[in-house]
Amino acid sequence: MSESPSARILVVEDDRTTADLVALYLRHAGFDVHVDHTGDAALARVAADRFDLLVLDVMLPGASGLEICRRVRAREGTGVILLTARTSEDERVRGLELGADDYVSKPFSPRELVARAKAVLRRRPPGSGHLLVRGEVTIDLAERTVAVQGRRVDLTPSEFAILETLARRPGHVRTRAQLLDAMPGDRENFERTVDVHVRNLRRKIEPIPAQPRYVQTVLGAGYRFSPDPAL
């Protein structure tokens, strides 16, 4: 399968000139590219969103590229390319043992990096990293299905859209207007319609719908998703 222009790539590089150059070439190749400059920022982003490929500098402020690689490899379907100034065989082997798909030494050709990215994505087609796992809730973005504690839950398209939108960024508040925009199909443009769908969604996924654990109301603001009841 060839690469898709819609493949989402996260570039994590603390040198902003290098990061901008890599992002420029990848965007020119048709990819949807996002950039972070610290390991901690990258970990927060990949915990809340899905990427088809990560291009990681090994030496980063905060969490290292190797640590990010180790954590991301637990998420099936996300490719990893490591960038490093280190060229020792031991360093390469360590990165590959952690699950990296490829290893590029600095200085490198941006065109070569684009070719390597395309090769990884051919082996790991965009969309293969399709699961959002949020505590006991698993959302399959490809199959459009939801399971809670391993139990399949049938949702309407609007309920699924609300859950997906909230679960992509746990703890982040979404307004009713934002959730209404995420819902599919023709509908009356009333924000209170969202409340009805949220109420039905809670009946299906919450252990105690009257005391929601996952889909929480933020008074005066909207809703947020929390896999942790302490949030």
Foldseek 3Di string as FASTA:
>chain_A
DFADLAAEEEEEAQPVVVQVVLQVLLVVVRYRYHYDHAPVVVVLLVLQADGQEYEAEQDGHDDGSLRVLLVCVVQPQYAYEYEYQDDDPVVVVSSVVSPHPYYHYPPDDSVVVSVVVRVRCVVRPGLNSQWNDQQQWIAGNVVRWIDGVNHTFDADQLLSQLLSVQRSNAPDFDALQRSVVSGDDDDPPDSCVVVVSLLVSLVGHAPDSVLRQAWDADPPTHTHGHSDSVD
